[in-house]
PDB file of N, CA and C in Angstrom:
ATOM      1  N   MET A   1      80.258  95.147 104.547  1.00  0.00           N
ATOM      2  CA  MET A   1      79.168  95.032 105.066  1.00  0.00           C
ATOM      3  C   MET A   1      77.682  95.974 104.429  1.00  0.00           C
ATOM      4  N   THR A   2      78.062  97.432 104.962  1.00  0.00           N
ATOM      5  CA  THR A   2      77.143  98.289 104.593  1.00  0.00           C
ATOM      6  C   THR A   2      76.969  97.932 102.959  1.00  0.00           C
ATOM      7  N   GLU A   3      77.629  97.839 102.019  1.00  0.00           N
ATOM      8  CA  GLU A   3      77.651  98.095 100.477  1.00  0.00           C
ATOM      9  C   GLU A   3      76.551  96.929 100.716  1.00  0.00           C
ATOM     10  N   ASN A   4      76.714  95.562 101.385  1.00  0.00           N
ATOM     11  CA  ASN A   4      75.383  94.244 101.634  1.00  0.00           C
ATOM     12  C   ASN A   4      74.419  94.843 101.436  1.00  0.00           C
ATOM     13  N   ARG A   5      74.341  95.751 102.486  1.00  0.00           N
ATOM     14  CA  ARG A   5      72.720  96.122 103.147  1.00  0.00           C
ATOM     15  C   ARG A   5      72.354  96.672 102.071  1.00  0.00           C
ATOM     16  N   GLU A   6      72.893  98.092 101.718  1.00  0.00           N
ATOM     17  CA  GLU A   6      72.519  99.135 100.385  1.00  0.00           C
ATOM     18  C   GLU A   6      71.819  98.234  99.396  1.00  0.00           C
ATOM     19  N   PHE A   7      72.839  97.019  98.787  1.00  0.00           N
ATOM     20  CA  PHE A   7      72.281  96.445  97.577  1.00  0.00           C
ATOM     21  C   PHE A   7      70.817  95.401  97.776  1.00  0.00           C
ATOM     22  N   ALA A   8      71.046  94.818  99.573  1.00  0.00           N
ATOM     23  CA  ALA A   8      69.966  94.514  99.846  1.00  0.00           C
ATOM     24  C   ALA A   8      68.211  95.109  99.587  1.00  0.00           C
ATOM     25  N   ARG A   9      68.921  96.489 100.202  1.00  0.00           N
ATOM     26  CA  ARG A   9      67.624  97.337 100.352  1.00  0.00           C
ATOM     27  C   ARG A   9      67.449  97.712  99.104  1.00  0.00           C
ATOM     28  N   LYS A  10      68.290  97.780  98.043  1.00  0.00           N
ATOM     29  CA  LYS A  10      67.773  98.394  96.524  1.00  0.00           C
ATOM     30  C   LYS A  10      67.220  97.385  95.621  1.00  0.00           C
ATOM     31  N   LEU A  11      67.625  95.920  96.219  1.00  0.00           N
ATOM     32  CA  LEU A  11      66.780  94.954  95.790  1.00  0.00           C
ATOM     33  C   LEU A  11      65.720  94.564  96.001  1.00  0.00           C
ATOM     34  N   GLU A  12      65.093  95.000  97.486  1.00  0.00           N
ATOM     35  CA  GLU A  12      63.987  94.472  97.796  1.00  0.00           C
ATOM     36  C   GLU A  12      63.088  95.420  97.094  1.00  0.00           C
ATOM     37  N   ALA A  13      63.678  96.965  97.193  1.00  0.00           N
ATOM     38  CA  ALA A  13      62.472  97.867  96.494  1.00  0.00           C
ATOM     39  C   ALA A  13      62.283  97.134  95.093  1.00  0.00           C
ATOM     40  N   ARG A  14      63.296  97.047  94.093  1.00  0.00           N
ATOM     41  CA  ARG A  14      63.420  96.478  93.107  1.00  0.00           C
ATOM     42  C   ARG A  14      62.395  95.604  92.827  1.00  0.00           C
ATOM     43  N   THR A  15      62.284  94.342  93.145  1.00  0.00           N
ATOM     44  CA  THR A  15      61.610  93.594  93.408  1.00  0.00           C
ATOM     45  C   THR A  15      59.926  93.900  93.936  1.00  0.00           C
ATOM     46  N   ARG A  16      59.684  94.955  94.509  1.00  0.00           N
ATOM     47  CA  ARG A  16      58.411  95.345  94.601  1.00  0.00           C
ATOM     48  C   ARG A  16      57.745  96.102  93.723  1.00  0.00           C
ATOM     49  N   ARG A  17      58.673  96.906  93.221  1.00  0.00           N
ATOM     50  CA  ARG A  17      58.153  97.240  91.821  1.00  0.00           C
ATOM     51  C   ARG A  17      58.017  96.374  90.626  1.00  0.00           C
ATOM     52  N   PHE A  18      58.907  95.362  90.951  1.00  0.00           N
ATOM     53  CA  PHE A  18      58.424  94.441  89.546  1.00  0.00           C
ATOM     54  C   PHE A  18      57.074  94.043  89.883  1.00  0.00           C
ATOM     55  N   ALA A  19      57.552  93.481  91.260  1.00  0.00           N
ATOM     56  CA  ALA A  19      56.086  93.302  91.597  1.00  0.00           C
ATOM     57  C   ALA A  19      54.260  93.906  91.397  1.00  0.00           C
ATOM     58  N   ILE A  20      54.608  95.038  91.167  1.00  0.00           N
ATOM     59  CA  ILE A  20      53.591  96.226  91.133  1.00  0.00           C
ATOM     60  C   ILE A  20      53.364  96.173  89.709  1.00  0.00           C
ATOM     61  N   ASP A  21      54.392  96.444  88.688  1.00  0.00           N
ATOM     62  CA  ASP A  21      54.637  95.961  87.762  1.00  0.00           C
ATOM     63  C   ASP A  21      53.563  95.329  86.729  1.00  0.00           C
ATOM     64  N   VAL A  22      53.941  94.172  87.306  1.00  0.00           N
ATOM     65  CA  VAL A  22      52.827  93.182  87.091  1.00  0.00           C
ATOM     66  C   VAL A  22      51.668  92.607  87.503  1.00  0.00           C
ATOM     67  N   ILE A  23      51.413  93.378  88.440  1.00  0.00           N
ATOM     68  CA  ILE A  23      49.891  93.571  88.911  1.00  0.00           C
ATOM     69  C   ILE A  23      49.250  94.422  88.026  1.00  0.00           C
ATOM     70  N   ARG A  24      49.593  95.527  87.862  1.00  0.00           N
ATOM     71  CA  ARG A  24      49.270  96.648  86.159  1.00  0.00           C
ATOM     72  C   ARG A  24      48.921  95.629  85.154  1.00  0.00           C
ATOM     73  N   LEU A  25      49.979  95.109  84.935  1.00  0.00           N
ATOM     74  CA  LEU A  25      49.836  93.944  83.611  1.00  0.00           C
ATOM     75  C   LEU A  25      48.776  93.333  83.689  1.00  0.00           C
ATOM     76  N   SER A  26      48.714  92.284  84.698  1.00  0.00           N
ATOM     77  CA  SER A  26      47.788  91.544  84.741  1.00  0.00           C
ATOM     78  C   SER A  26      46.244  92.017  84.519  1.00  0.00           C
ATOM     79  N   GLY A  27      46.209  93.628  85.782  1.00  0.00           N
ATOM     80  CA  GLY A  27      44.731  94.058  85.244  1.00  0.00           C
ATOM     81  C   GLY A  27      44.222  94.509  83.903  1.00  0.00           C
ATOM     82  N   LYS A  28      45.374  94.754  82.848  1.00  0.00           N
ATOM     83  CA  LYS A  28      45.118  94.785  81.126  1.00  0.00           C
ATOM     84  C   LYS A  28      44.591  93.590  80.541  1.00  0.00           C
ATOM     85  N   LEU A  29      44.798  92.300  81.456  1.00  0.00           N
ATOM     86  CA  LEU A  29      44.144  91.117  80.514  1.00  0.00           C
ATOM     87  C   LEU A  29      43.038  91.244  80.489  1.00  0.00           C
ATOM     88  N   PRO A  30      42.179  90.495  79.459  1.00  0.00           N
ATOM     89  CA  PRO A  30      41.179  90.192  78.869  1.00  0.00           C
ATOM     90  C   PRO A  30      40.406  89.666  80.175  1.00  0.00           C
ATOM     91  N   ASN A  31      39.040  89.899  80.276  1.00  0.00           N
ATOM     92  CA  ASN A  31      38.628  89.105  81.597  1.00  0.00           C
ATOM     93  C   ASN A  31      37.774  87.853  81.161  1.00  0.00           C
ATOM     94  N   SER A  32      38.224  86.930  80.247  1.00  0.00           N
ATOM     95  CA  SER A  32      37.842  85.548  80.318  1.00  0.00           C
ATOM     96  C   SER A  32      38.585  84.892  81.367  1.00  0.00           C
ATOM     97  N   ILE A  33      37.747  83.669  81.377  1.00  0.00           N
ATOM     98  CA  ILE A  33      38.323  82.358  82.505  1.00  0.00           C
ATOM     99  C   ILE A  33      39.627  82.334  82.609  1.00  0.00           C
ATOM    100  N   GLU A  34      39.943  81.779  81.420  1.00  0.00           N
ATOM    101  CA  GLU A  34      41.348  81.594  80.592  1.00  0.00           C
ATOM    102  C   GLU A  34      42.222  82.742  81.386  1.00  0.00           C
ATOM    103  N   CYS A  35      42.489  84.076  80.865  1.00  0.00           N
ATOM    104  CA  CYS A  35      42.863  84.906  81.822  1.00  0.00           C
ATOM    105  C   CYS A  35      42.882  84.983  82.930  1.00  0.00           C
ATOM    106  N   ARG A  36      41.679  84.952  83.188  1.00  0.00           N
ATOM    107  CA  ARG A  36      41.431  85.108  85.253  1.00  0.00           C
ATOM    108  C   ARG A  36      42.812  83.864  85.648  1.00  0.00           C
ATOM    109  N   VAL A  37      42.739  82.768  85.192  1.00  0.00           N
ATOM    110  CA  VAL A  37      43.889  81.949  85.663  1.00  0.00           C
ATOM    111  C   VAL A  37      44.935  82.138  85.257  1.00  0.00           C
ATOM    112  N   ILE A  38      45.346  82.418  84.465  1.00  0.00           N
ATOM    113  CA  ILE A  38      46.662  83.394  83.836  1.00  0.00           C
ATOM    114  C   ILE A  38      47.058  84.435  85.151  1.00  0.00           C
ATOM    115  N   ARG A  39      46.200  85.793  85.039  1.00  0.00           N
ATOM    116  CA  ARG A  39      46.326  86.646  86.138  1.00  0.00           C
ATOM    117  C   ARG A  39      46.701  86.059  87.384  1.00  0.00           C
ATOM    118  N   ASN A  40      46.374  84.854  87.807  1.00  0.00           N
ATOM    119  CA  ASN A  40      46.280  84.389  89.427  1.00  0.00           C
ATOM    120  C   ASN A  40      47.984  83.996  89.435  1.00  0.00           C
ATOM    121  N   GLN A  41      47.846  83.552  87.967  1.00  0.00           N
ATOM    122  CA  GLN A  41      49.257  82.564  88.271  1.00  0.00           C
ATOM    123  C   GLN A  41      50.456  83.444  88.236  1.00  0.00           C
ATOM    124  N   VAL A  42      50.424  84.475  87.466  1.00  0.00           N
ATOM    125  CA  VAL A  42      51.560  85.547  87.027  1.00  0.00           C
ATOM    126  C   VAL A  42      51.385  86.584  88.160  1.00  0.00           C
ATOM    127  N   THR A  43      50.597  86.666  88.605  1.00  0.00           N
ATOM    128  CA  THR A  43      50.369  87.534  90.158  1.00  0.00           C
ATOM    129  C   THR A  43      51.291  87.225  91.313  1.00  0.00           C
ATOM    130  N   LYS A  44      51.070  85.802  91.165  1.00  0.00           N
ATOM    131  CA  LYS A  44      51.100  84.895  92.856  1.00  0.00           C
ATOM    132  C   LYS A  44      53.064  85.059  92.345  1.00  0.00           C
ATOM    133  N   SER A  45      53.328  84.277  91.170  1.00  0.00           N
ATOM    134  CA  SER A  45      54.779  84.257  90.847  1.00  0.00           C
ATOM    135  C   SER A  45      55.082  85.378  91.045  1.00  0.00           C
ATOM    136  N   ALA A  46      54.897  86.124  90.633  1.00  0.00           N
ATOM    137  CA  ALA A  46      55.932  87.513  90.837  1.00  0.00           C
ATOM    138  C   ALA A  46      55.793  88.206  91.896  1.00  0.00           C
ATOM    139  N   THR A  47      54.696  88.424  92.678  1.00  0.00           N
ATOM    140  CA  THR A  47      54.937  89.051  93.962  1.00  0.00           C
ATOM    141  C   THR A  47      55.635  87.985  95.051  1.00  0.00           C
ATOM    142  N   SER A  48      55.845  87.032  94.970  1.00  0.00           N
ATOM    143  CA  SER A  48      56.138  85.753  95.492  1.00  0.00           C
ATOM    144  C   SER A  48      57.820  85.989  95.490  1.00  0.00           C
ATOM    145  N   VAL A  49      58.446  86.625  94.262  1.00  0.00           N
ATOM    146  CA  VAL A  49      59.792  86.618  93.996  1.00  0.00           C
ATOM    147  C   VAL A  49      60.365  87.787  95.273  1.00  0.00           C
ATOM    148  N   GLY A  50      59.764  89.060  95.440  1.00  0.00           N
ATOM    149  CA  GLY A  50      59.881  89.963  96.142  1.00  0.00           C
ATOM    150  C   GLY A  50      59.996  89.572  97.624  1.00  0.00           C
ATOM    151  N   ALA A  51      58.587  88.800  98.107  1.00  0.00           N
ATOM    152  CA  ALA A  51      58.397  88.546  99.444  1.00  0.00           C
ATOM    153  C   ALA A  51      59.243  87.582  99.753  1.00  0.00           C
ATOM    154  N   ASN A  52      59.732  86.805  98.712  1.00  0.00           N
ATOM    155  CA  ASN A  52      60.925  85.583  99.719  1.00  0.00           C
ATOM    156  C   ASN A  52      61.858  85.891  99.675  1.00  0.00           C
ATOM    157  N   TYR A  53      62.702  87.231  98.482  1.00  0.00           N
ATOM    158  CA  TYR A  53      63.812  87.778  99.175  1.00  0.00           C
ATOM    159  C   TYR A  53      63.641  88.554 100.320  1.00  0.00           C
ATOM    160  N   ARG A  54      62.690  89.108 100.513  1.00  0.00           N
ATOM    161  CA  ARG A  54      62.741  90.042 101.696  1.00  0.00           C
ATOM    162  C   ARG A  54      62.582  88.893 102.579  1.00  0.00           C
ATOM    163  N   GLU A  55      62.233  87.674 103.157  1.00  0.00           N
ATOM    164  CA  GLU A  55      62.372  87.341 103.995  1.00  0.00           C
ATOM    165  C   GLU A  55      63.806  86.245 104.361  1.00  0.00           C
ATOM    166  N   ALA A  56      64.654  86.550 103.002  1.00  0.00           N
ATOM    167  CA  ALA A  56      65.762  85.804 102.715  1.00  0.00           C
ATOM    168  C   ALA A  56      66.191  87.047 103.855  1.00  0.00           C
ATOM    169  N   ASN A  57      66.722  87.690 103.491  1.00  0.00           N
ATOM    170  CA  ASN A  57      66.759  88.922 104.529  1.00  0.00           C
ATOM    171  C   ASN A  57      66.867  89.198 106.006  1.00  0.00           C
ATOM    172  N   ARG A  58      65.965  88.212 106.377  1.00  0.00           N
ATOM    173  CA  ARG A  58      65.657  88.244 107.578  1.00  0.00           C
ATOM    174  C   ARG A  58      65.720  86.640 107.930  1.00  0.00           C
ATOM    175  N   SER A  59      66.250  86.008 107.359  1.00  0.00           N
ATOM    176  CA  SER A  59      66.619  84.879 107.453  1.00  0.00           C
ATOM    177  C   SER A  59      67.235  84.638 109.052  1.00  0.00           C
ATOM    178  N   ARG A  60      67.256  83.548 109.450  1.00  0.00           N
ATOM    179  CA  ARG A  60      68.159  83.170 110.796  1.00  0.00           C
ATOM    180  C   ARG A  60      69.514  82.708 110.436  1.00  0.00           C
ATOM    181  N   SER A  61      69.671  81.819 109.037  1.00  0.00           N
ATOM    182  CA  SER A  61      70.499  80.952 108.806  1.00  0.00           C
ATOM    183  C   SER A  61      70.988  80.947 107.422  1.00  0.00           C
ATOM    184  N   LYS A  62      72.315  80.179 107.120  1.00  0.00           N
ATOM    185  CA  LYS A  62      72.754  80.516 105.855  1.00  0.00           C
ATOM    186  C   LYS A  62      71.732  79.242 105.336  1.00  0.00           C
ATOM    187  N   ALA A  63      71.540  78.607 105.772  1.00  0.00           N
ATOM    188  CA  ALA A  63      70.688  77.680 104.655  1.00  0.00           C
ATOM    189  C   ALA A  63      69.282  77.919 104.342  1.00  0.00           C
ATOM    190  N   ASP A  64      68.663  78.874 105.416  1.00  0.00           N
ATOM    191  CA  ASP A  64      67.862  79.677 104.956  1.00  0.00           C
ATOM    192  C   ASP A  64      67.553  80.484 104.321  1.00  0.00           C
ATOM    193  N   PHE A  65      68.835  81.436 104.204  1.00  0.00           N
ATOM    194  CA  PHE A  65      68.852  82.276 103.086  1.00  0.00           C
ATOM    195  C   PHE A  65      68.791  81.850 101.788  1.00  0.00           C
ATOM    196  N   LYS A  66      69.886  80.693 101.453  1.00  0.00           N
ATOM    197  CA  LYS A  66      70.070  80.077 100.282  1.00  0.00           C
ATOM    198  C   LYS A  66      68.858  79.375  99.489  1.00  0.00           C
ATOM    199  N   SER A  67      67.710  78.528 100.993  1.00  0.00           N
ATOM    200  CA  SER A  67      66.880  78.369 100.569  1.00  0.00           C
ATOM    201  C   SER A  67      65.912  79.478  99.300  1.00  0.00           C
ATOM    202  N   ARG A  68      65.459  80.476 100.844  1.00  0.00           N
ATOM    203  CA  ARG A  68      64.580  81.792 100.083  1.00  0.00           C
ATOM    204  C   ARG A  68      65.429  81.895  98.992  1.00  0.00           C
ATOM    205  N   ILE A  69      66.484  82.036  98.705  1.00  0.00           N
ATOM    206  CA  ILE A  69      67.020  82.735  97.204  1.00  0.00           C
ATOM    207  C   ILE A  69      66.626  81.695  96.334  1.00  0.00           C
ATOM    208  N   ARG A  70      66.935  80.699  96.725  1.00  0.00           N
ATOM    209  CA  ARG A  70      66.105  79.742  95.429  1.00  0.00           C
ATOM    210  C   ARG A  70      64.866  79.318  94.893  1.00  0.00           C
ATOM    211  N   ILE A  71      64.011  80.031  95.905  1.00  0.00           N
ATOM    212  CA  ILE A  71      62.216  79.953  95.377  1.00  0.00           C
ATOM    213  C   ILE A  71      62.823  81.324  94.765  1.00  0.00           C
ATOM    214  N   CYS A  72      62.987  82.376  95.137  1.00  0.00           N
ATOM    215  CA  CYS A  72      62.833  83.820  94.250  1.00  0.00           C
ATOM    216  C   CYS A  72      63.526  83.142  93.188  1.00  0.00           C
ATOM    217  N   GLU A  73      64.595  82.378  92.933  1.00  0.00           N
ATOM    218  CA  GLU A  73      64.958  82.036  91.766  1.00  0.00           C
ATOM    219  C   GLU A  73      63.707  80.854  90.717  1.00  0.00           C
ATOM    220  N   SER A  74      63.125  80.395  91.208  1.00  0.00           N
ATOM    221  CA  SER A  74      62.095  79.571  90.896  1.00  0.00           C
ATOM    222  C   SER A  74      60.789  80.393  90.342  1.00  0.00           C
ATOM    223  N   GLU A  75      60.498  81.503  91.617  1.00  0.00           N
ATOM    224  CA  GLU A  75      59.268  82.483  91.020  1.00  0.00           C
ATOM    225  C   GLU A  75      59.426  83.008  89.889  1.00  0.00           C
ATOM    226  N   ALA A  76      60.820  83.903  89.712  1.00  0.00           N
ATOM    227  CA  ALA A  76      61.367  84.408  88.680  1.00  0.00           C
ATOM    228  C   ALA A  76      61.346  83.452  87.384  1.00  0.00           C
ATOM    229  N   SER A  77      61.509  82.501  87.442  1.00  0.00           N
ATOM    230  CA  SER A  77      61.510  81.705  86.259  1.00  0.00           C
ATOM    231  C   SER A  77      59.769  81.447  85.859  1.00  0.00           C
ATOM    232  N   GLU A  78      59.167  80.931  87.185  1.00  0.00           N
ATOM    233  CA  GLU A  78      57.654  80.650  86.448  1.00  0.00           C
ATOM    234  C   GLU A  78      57.152  82.106  86.302  1.00  0.00           C
ATOM    235  N   THR A  79      57.414  83.621  86.896  1.00  0.00           N
ATOM    236  CA  THR A  79      57.071  84.656  86.056  1.00  0.00           C
ATOM    237  C   THR A  79      57.058  84.498  84.526  1.00  0.00           C
ATOM    238  N   GLN A  80      58.252  84.437  84.183  1.00  0.00           N
ATOM    239  CA  GLN A  80      58.838  84.211  82.900  1.00  0.00           C
ATOM    240  C   GLN A  80      58.092  83.561  82.058  1.00  0.00           C
ATOM    241  N   TYR A  81      57.456  82.351  82.767  1.00  0.00           N
ATOM    242  CA  TYR A  81      57.129  81.172  81.510  1.00  0.00           C
ATOM    243  C   TYR A  81      55.382  82.406  81.395  1.00  0.00           C
ATOM    244  N   TRP A  82      54.983  82.625  82.494  1.00  0.00           N
ATOM    245  CA  TRP A  82      53.484  83.246  82.285  1.00  0.00           C
ATOM    246  C   TRP A  82      53.599  84.293  81.846  1.00  0.00           C
ATOM    247  N   LEU A  83      54.349  85.009  81.418  1.00  0.00           N
ATOM    248  CA  LEU A  83      54.821  86.527  80.757  1.00  0.00           C
ATOM    249  C   LEU A  83      54.766  85.810  79.336  1.00  0.00           C
ATOM    250  N   GLN A  84      55.671  85.038  79.152  1.00  0.00           N
ATOM    251  CA  GLN A  84      55.477  83.999  77.696  1.00  0.00           C
ATOM    252  C   GLN A  84      54.132  83.833  76.878  1.00  0.00           C
ATOM    253  N   ILE A  85      53.497  83.221  78.243  1.00  0.00           N
ATOM    254  CA  ILE A  85      52.323  82.790  77.393  1.00  0.00           C
ATOM    255  C   ILE A  85      51.414  83.864  77.020  1.00  0.00           C
ATOM    256  N   ILE A  86      51.643  84.683  78.042  1.00  0.00           N
ATOM    257  CA  ILE A  86      50.542  85.995  77.715  1.00  0.00           C
ATOM    258  C   ILE A  86      51.217  87.073  76.507  1.00  0.00           C
ATOM    259  N   THR A  87      52.606  87.187  76.125  1.00  0.00           N
ATOM    260  CA  THR A  87      52.808  87.413  74.843  1.00  0.00           C
ATOM    261  C   THR A  87      52.414  86.424  73.969  1.00  0.00           C
ATOM    262  N   GLU A  88      52.419  85.043  73.554  1.00  0.00           N
ATOM    263  CA  GLU A  88      52.008  84.251  72.496  1.00  0.00           C
ATOM    264  C   GLU A  88      50.501  83.946  72.683  1.00  0.00           C
ATOM    265  N   ALA A  89      50.219  84.113  73.783  1.00  0.00           N
ATOM    266  CA  ALA A  89      48.675  83.897  73.268  1.00  0.00           C
ATOM    267  C   ALA A  89      48.076  85.501  72.797  1.00  0.00           C
ATOM    268  N   ASP A  90      48.646  86.520  72.572  1.00  0.00           N
ATOM    269  CA  ASP A  90      48.507  87.666  72.321  1.00  0.00           C
ATOM    270  C   ASP A  90      47.378  88.218  73.514  1.00  0.00           C
ATOM    271  N   TYR A  91      47.327  88.128  74.663  1.00  0.00           N
ATOM    272  CA  TYR A  91      46.153  88.635  75.728  1.00  0.00           C
ATOM    273  C   TYR A  91      47.114  89.925  76.367  1.00  0.00           C
ATOM    274  N   ALA A  92      48.252  90.452  75.869  1.00  0.00           N
ATOM    275  CA  ALA A  92      48.125  91.945  75.758  1.00  0.00           C
ATOM    276  C   ALA A  92      49.430  92.490  74.947  1.00  0.00           C
ATOM    277  N   GLN A  93      50.055  93.962  74.883  1.00  0.00           N
ATOM    278  CA  GLN A  93      50.753  94.651  73.866  1.00  0.00           C
ATOM    279  C   GLN A  93      52.167  94.092  73.969  1.00  0.00           C
ATOM    280  N   GLN A  94      52.870  93.591  73.136  1.00  0.00           N
ATOM    281  CA  GLN A  94      54.133  93.342  73.098  1.00  0.00           C
ATOM    282  C   GLN A  94      55.101  94.610  74.126  1.00  0.00           C
ATOM    283  N   SER A  95      54.630  95.712  73.624  1.00  0.00           N
ATOM    284  CA  SER A  95      55.100  96.818  74.281  1.00  0.00           C
ATOM    285  C   SER A  95      55.098  97.261  75.531  1.00  0.00           C
ATOM    286  N   ASP A  96      53.994  96.338  76.329  1.00  0.00           N
ATOM    287  CA  ASP A  96      53.465  96.431  77.676  1.00  0.00           C
ATOM    288  C   ASP A  96      54.264  95.078  78.283  1.00  0.00           C
ATOM    289  N   VAL A  97      54.646  93.813  77.589  1.00  0.00           N
ATOM    290  CA  VAL A  97      54.909  92.734  78.354  1.00  0.00           C
ATOM    291  C   VAL A  97      56.770  92.854  78.246  1.00  0.00           C
ATOM    292  N   LYS A  98      57.535  93.685  77.324  1.00  0.00           N
ATOM    293  CA  LYS A  98      58.511  93.263  76.861  1.00  0.00           C
ATOM    294  C   LYS A  98      59.711  93.899  78.241  1.00  0.00           C
ATOM    295  N   PRO A  99      59.164  95.166  78.502  1.00  0.00           N
ATOM    296  CA  PRO A  99      60.089  95.574  79.566  1.00  0.00           C
ATOM    297  C   PRO A  99      59.759  95.287  81.022  1.00  0.00           C
ATOM    298  N   ILE A 100      58.519  94.227  81.262  1.00  0.00           N
ATOM    299  CA  ILE A 100      58.628  93.829  82.275  1.00  0.00           C
ATOM    300  C   ILE A 100      59.316  92.366  82.225  1.00  0.00           C
ATOM    301  N   TYR A 101      59.021  91.626  81.252  1.00  0.00           N
ATOM    302  CA  TYR A 101      60.132  90.366  80.760  1.00  0.00           C
ATOM    303  C   TYR A 101      61.164  90.818  80.809  1.00  0.00           C
ATOM    304  N   GLU A 102      61.697  91.814  80.784  1.00  0.00           N
ATOM    305  CA  GLU A 102      63.625  92.183  80.511  1.00  0.00           C
ATOM    306  C   GLU A 102      63.814  92.411  81.808  1.00  0.00           C
ATOM    307  N   GLU A 103      62.836  92.857  82.630  1.00  0.00           N
ATOM    308  CA  GLU A 103      63.279  93.094  84.559  1.00  0.00           C
ATOM    309  C   GLU A 103      63.374  91.409  84.759  1.00  0.00           C
ATOM    310  N   CYS A 104      62.382  90.796  84.526  1.00  0.00           N
ATOM    311  CA  CYS A 104      62.311  89.265  85.500  1.00  0.00           C
ATOM    312  C   CYS A 104      63.655  88.441  84.485  1.00  0.00           C
ATOM    313  N   SER A 105      64.089  88.986  83.546  1.00  0.00           N
ATOM    314  CA  SER A 105      65.024  88.250  82.949  1.00  0.00           C
ATOM    315  C   SER A 105      66.517  88.643  83.647  1.00  0.00           C
ATOM    316  N   GLN A 106      66.447  90.123  84.396  1.00  0.00           N
ATOM    317  CA  GLN A 106      67.629  90.767  85.063  1.00  0.00           C
ATOM    318  C   GLN A 106      67.283  90.243  86.689  1.00  0.00           C
ATOM    319  N   LEU A 107      66.315  89.845  87.002  1.00  0.00           N
ATOM    320  CA  LEU A 107      66.036  89.600  88.537  1.00  0.00           C
ATOM    321  C   LEU A 107      66.647  87.499  88.692  1.00  0.00           C
ATOM    322  N   LEU A 108      65.732  87.191  87.755  1.00  0.00           N
ATOM    323  CA  LEU A 108      66.556  85.932  87.353  1.00  0.00           C
ATOM    324  C   LEU A 108      67.962  85.438  87.408  1.00  0.00           C
ATOM    325  N   ALA A 109      68.458  85.918  86.620  1.00  0.00           N
ATOM    326  CA  ALA A 109      70.039  86.357  86.481  1.00  0.00           C
ATOM    327  C   ALA A 109      70.417  86.659  88.386  1.00  0.00           C
ATOM    328  N   ILE A 110      70.490  87.846  88.819  1.00  0.00           N
ATOM    329  CA  ILE A 110      71.106  88.149  89.674  1.00  0.00           C
ATOM    330  C   ILE A 110      70.443  87.128  91.204  1.00  0.00           C
ATOM    331  N   PHE A 111      69.187  86.439  91.261  1.00  0.00           N
ATOM    332  CA  PHE A 111      68.970  85.255  92.161  1.00  0.00           C
ATOM    333  C   PHE A 111      69.813  83.998  91.997  1.00  0.00           C
ATOM    334  N   SER A 112      70.162  83.812  90.568  1.00  0.00           N
ATOM    335  CA  SER A 112      70.932  82.644  90.280  1.00  0.00           C
ATOM    336  C   SER A 112      72.550  83.260  90.586  1.00  0.00           C
ATOM    337  N   SER A 113      72.729  83.755  90.313  1.00  0.00           N
ATOM    338  CA  SER A 113      74.123  84.312  90.570  1.00  0.00           C
ATOM    339  C   SER A 113      74.496  84.365  92.331  1.00  0.00           C
ATOM    340  N   ILE A 114      73.170  85.223  93.066  1.00  0.00           N
ATOM    341  CA  ILE A 114      73.546  85.131  94.788  1.00  0.00           C
ATOM    342  C   ILE A 114      73.283  83.627  95.022  1.00  0.00           C
ATOM    343  N   GLY A 115      72.477  82.404  94.469  1.00  0.00           N
ATOM    344  CA  GLY A 115      72.622  81.223  95.236  1.00  0.00           C
ATOM    345  C   GLY A 115      73.418  80.497  94.713  1.00  0.00           C
ATOM    346  N   LYS A 116      74.425  81.156  93.597  1.00  0.00           N
ATOM    347  CA  LYS A 116      75.853  80.233  93.066  1.00  0.00           C
ATOM    348  C   LYS A 116      76.994  80.062  94.098  1.00  0.00           C
ATOM    349  N   LYS A 117      76.581  81.942  94.584  1.00  0.00           N
ATOM    350  CA  LYS A 117      77.590  82.127  95.477  1.00  0.00           C
ATOM    351  C   LYS A 117      77.629  81.835  97.105  1.00  0.00           C
ATOM    352  N   ILE A 118      76.620  81.398  97.410  1.00  0.00           N
ATOM    353  CA  ILE A 118      76.279  80.577  98.425  1.00  0.00           C
ATOM    354  C   ILE A 118      77.044  79.608  99.011  1.00  0.00           C
TER     355      ILE A 118
END
């Protein structure tokens, strides 16, 4: 049980750092109408990953926990999509996006794994 709490605490911190990294990246995007839409979308989806994981850890039932984990998985996948758009449209340097994209992939794998175990 202690291991699970420690894992949850570390994953909460990790998703919070991920959200901050995406917020910082979005601040580097050009200030065009198109980029404002992308900035809003990627920031919303990335911050939602951690917010929903935090709520999952405070859920009142197994069903609520599972639902929140599925949302985390979905939001991580959406964040990957927006990061791909940013990269393919050359709105940010590949070197700025790549580590965030890799972290997003790892978080997606973690939430997918958790979702399958429930």
